[in-house]
C-alpha atoms as a PDB file:
ATOM      1  CA  UNK A   1      -5.566   3.918   0.660  1.00  0.00           C
ATOM      2  CA  UNK A   2      -8.224   0.984   1.167  1.00  0.00           C
ATOM      3  CA  UNK A   3     -11.183   2.602   0.572  1.00  0.00           C
ATOM      4  CA  UNK A   4     -14.268   1.934   2.726  1.00  0.00           C
ATOM      5  CA  UNK A   5     -12.004   1.149   5.794  1.00  0.00           C
ATOM      6  CA  UNK A   6     -13.005   1.245   9.240  1.00  0.00           C
ATOM      7  CA  UNK A   7     -11.163   1.709  12.149  1.00  0.00           C
ATOM      8  CA  UNK A   8     -11.063   0.418  15.716  1.00  0.00           C
ATOM      9  CA  UNK A   9      -8.642   2.273  17.777  1.00  0.00           C
ATOM     10  CA  UNK A  10      -7.694   1.823  21.140  1.00  0.00           C
ATOM     11  CA  UNK A  11      -5.441   4.160  23.622  1.00  0.00           C
ATOM     12  CA  UNK A  12      -2.985   2.856  26.068  1.00  0.00           C
ATOM     13  CA  UNK A  13      -0.726   4.104  28.718  1.00  0.00           C
ATOM     14  CA  UNK A  14       3.095   3.325  28.431  1.00  0.00           C
ATOM     15  CA  UNK A  15       4.966   1.923  31.149  1.00  0.00           C
ATOM     16  CA  UNK A  16       8.602   2.238  29.994  1.00  0.00           C
ATOM     17  CA  UNK A  17       9.907   0.321  32.848  1.00  0.00           C
ATOM     18  CA  UNK A  18       7.310  -2.221  33.179  1.00  0.00           C
ATOM     19  CA  UNK A  19       6.656  -0.700  36.727  1.00  0.00           C
ATOM     20  CA  UNK A  20       2.796   0.127  36.462  1.00  0.00           C
ATOM     21  CA  UNK A  21       3.314   3.583  38.518  1.00  0.00           C
ATOM     22  CA  UNK A  22       5.845   4.911  36.200  1.00  0.00           C
ATOM     23  CA  UNK A  23       3.853   5.881  33.390  1.00  0.00           C
ATOM     24  CA  UNK A  24       6.029   7.869  30.211  1.00  0.00           C
ATOM     25  CA  UNK A  25       3.066   8.254  28.163  1.00  0.00           C
ATOM     26  CA  UNK A  26       0.278   7.477  26.282  1.00  0.00           C
ATOM     27  CA  UNK A  27       0.276   5.362  22.560  1.00  0.00           C
ATOM     28  CA  UNK A  28      -2.355   4.166  20.525  1.00  0.00           C
ATOM     29  CA  UNK A  29      -3.033   0.545  18.639  1.00  0.00           C
ATOM     30  CA  UNK A  30      -5.602   0.621  15.991  1.00  0.00           C
ATOM     31  CA  UNK A  31      -7.216  -2.284  13.686  1.00  0.00           C
ATOM     32  CA  UNK A  32      -7.766  -1.011  10.216  1.00  0.00           C
ATOM     33  CA  UNK A  33     -10.862  -3.562   8.743  1.00  0.00           C
ATOM     34  CA  UNK A  34     -11.224  -3.375   4.829  1.00  0.00           C
ATOM     35  CA  UNK A  35     -12.747  -5.262   2.092  1.00  0.00           C
ATOM     36  CA  UNK A  36     -10.378  -7.461   0.588  1.00  0.00           C
ATOM     37  CA  UNK A  37     -10.443  -6.248  -3.538  1.00  0.00           C
ATOM     38  CA  UNK A  38      -7.236  -8.938  -3.835  1.00  0.00           C
ATOM     39  CA  UNK A  39      -3.600  -9.212  -2.233  1.00  0.00           C
ATOM     40  CA  UNK A  40      -1.758  -6.756  -4.793  1.00  0.00           C
ATOM     41  CA  UNK A  41      -4.558  -3.582  -3.410  1.00  0.00           C
ATOM     42  CA  UNK A  42      -3.923  -4.909  -0.107  1.00  0.00           C
ATOM     43  CA  UNK A  43      -0.223  -4.591   0.130  1.00  0.00           C
ATOM     44  CA  UNK A  44      -0.333  -1.206  -1.584  1.00  0.00           C
ATOM     45  CA  UNK A  45      -2.682  -0.023   1.008  1.00  0.00           C
ATOM     46  CA  UNK A  46      -0.061  -1.520   3.346  1.00  0.00           C
ATOM     47  CA  UNK A  47       3.138  -0.425   2.036  1.00  0.00           C
ATOM     48  CA  UNK A  48       1.751   3.613   1.716  1.00  0.00           C
ATOM     49  CA  UNK A  49       1.039   3.084   5.272  1.00  0.00           C
ATOM     50  CA  UNK A  50       4.433   2.353   6.484  1.00  0.00           C
ATOM     51  CA  UNK A  51       5.475   4.907   4.498  1.00  0.00           C
ATOM     52  CA  UNK A  52       3.711   7.162   6.696  1.00  0.00           C
ATOM     53  CA  UNK A  53       5.417   5.408   9.494  1.00  0.00           C
ATOM     54  CA  UNK A  54       2.561   3.395  10.335  1.00  0.00           C
ATOM     55  CA  UNK A  55       3.801  -0.050  12.246  1.00  0.00           C
ATOM     56  CA  UNK A  56       1.650  -2.438  10.376  1.00  0.00           C
ATOM     57  CA  UNK A  57       1.604  -6.305  10.995  1.00  0.00           C
ATOM     58  CA  UNK A  58       1.394  -8.787   7.900  1.00  0.00           C
ATOM     59  CA  UNK A  59      -2.519  -9.174   7.822  1.00  0.00           C
ATOM     60  CA  UNK A  60      -2.084 -12.854   6.342  1.00  0.00           C
ATOM     61  CA  UNK A  61      -0.141 -14.111   9.786  1.00  0.00           C
ATOM     62  CA  UNK A  62      -1.127 -14.791  12.890  1.00  0.00           C
ATOM     63  CA  UNK A  63       2.497 -15.009  14.484  1.00  0.00           C
ATOM     64  CA  UNK A  64       3.695 -11.743  16.448  1.00  0.00           C
ATOM     65  CA  UNK A  65       7.377 -10.721  15.199  1.00  0.00           C
ATOM     66  CA  UNK A  66       7.761  -6.712  16.424  1.00  0.00           C
ATOM     67  CA  UNK A  67       8.571  -5.954  20.193  1.00  0.00           C
ATOM     68  CA  UNK A  68       8.730  -9.481  21.038  1.00  0.00           C
ATOM     69  CA  UNK A  69      10.573  -8.708  24.651  1.00  0.00           C
ATOM     70  CA  UNK A  70       7.636  -6.493  25.659  1.00  0.00           C
ATOM     71  CA  UNK A  71       5.167  -8.821  24.316  1.00  0.00           C
ATOM     72  CA  UNK A  72       6.698 -12.092  26.538  1.00  0.00           C
ATOM     73  CA  UNK A  73       6.952  -9.938  29.541  1.00  0.00           C
ATOM     74  CA  UNK A  74       3.270  -9.010  29.271  1.00  0.00           C
ATOM     75  CA  UNK A  75       2.232 -12.144  28.635  1.00  0.00           C
ATOM     76  CA  UNK A  76       4.120 -13.365  31.684  1.00  0.00           C
ATOM     77  CA  UNK A  77       2.805 -10.985  33.692  1.00  0.00           C
ATOM     78  CA  UNK A  78      -0.928 -11.510  32.425  1.00  0.00           C
ATOM     79  CA  UNK A  79      -1.004 -14.754  31.042  1.00  0.00           C
ATOM     80  CA  UNK A  80       1.235 -16.870  33.161  1.00  0.00           C
ATOM     81  CA  UNK A  81      -0.289 -20.184  32.266  1.00  0.00           C
ATOM     82  CA  UNK A  82       0.017 -19.292  28.251  1.00  0.00           C
ATOM     83  CA  UNK A  83      -4.110 -20.235  27.936  1.00  0.00           C
ATOM     84  CA  UNK A  84      -4.338 -16.960  25.577  1.00  0.00           C
ATOM     85  CA  UNK A  85      -3.477 -17.046  21.826  1.00  0.00           C
ATOM     86  CA  UNK A  86      -1.117 -20.069  22.467  1.00  0.00           C
ATOM     87  CA  UNK A  87       1.472 -20.604  19.430  1.00  0.00           C
ATOM     88  CA  UNK A  88       1.510 -16.973  18.532  1.00  0.00           C
ATOM     89  CA  UNK A  89       4.932 -15.863  19.694  1.00  0.00           C
ATOM     90  CA  UNK A  90       7.857 -17.533  18.073  1.00  0.00           C
ATOM     91  CA  UNK A  91      10.441 -18.997  20.296  1.00  0.00           C
END
């Protein structure tokens, strides 16, 4: 889909209630690093990944748009003063 792509892959525990003692399962998140051969090739690869069911954030934005409630809850827990990534969560 995106030739020469490298993958950074992380695993994590899923806590559906936000309670660290209640683990519902495990999840994975990855970061694809690919050579930029133009916007058309990039978005074509992104579309193919989405067709496979992979959630892909737009690579040309730094704003988060998905799962905002969970991200805000996590940010309040681990970054209560809002020091990390200021302005990344839309209002």
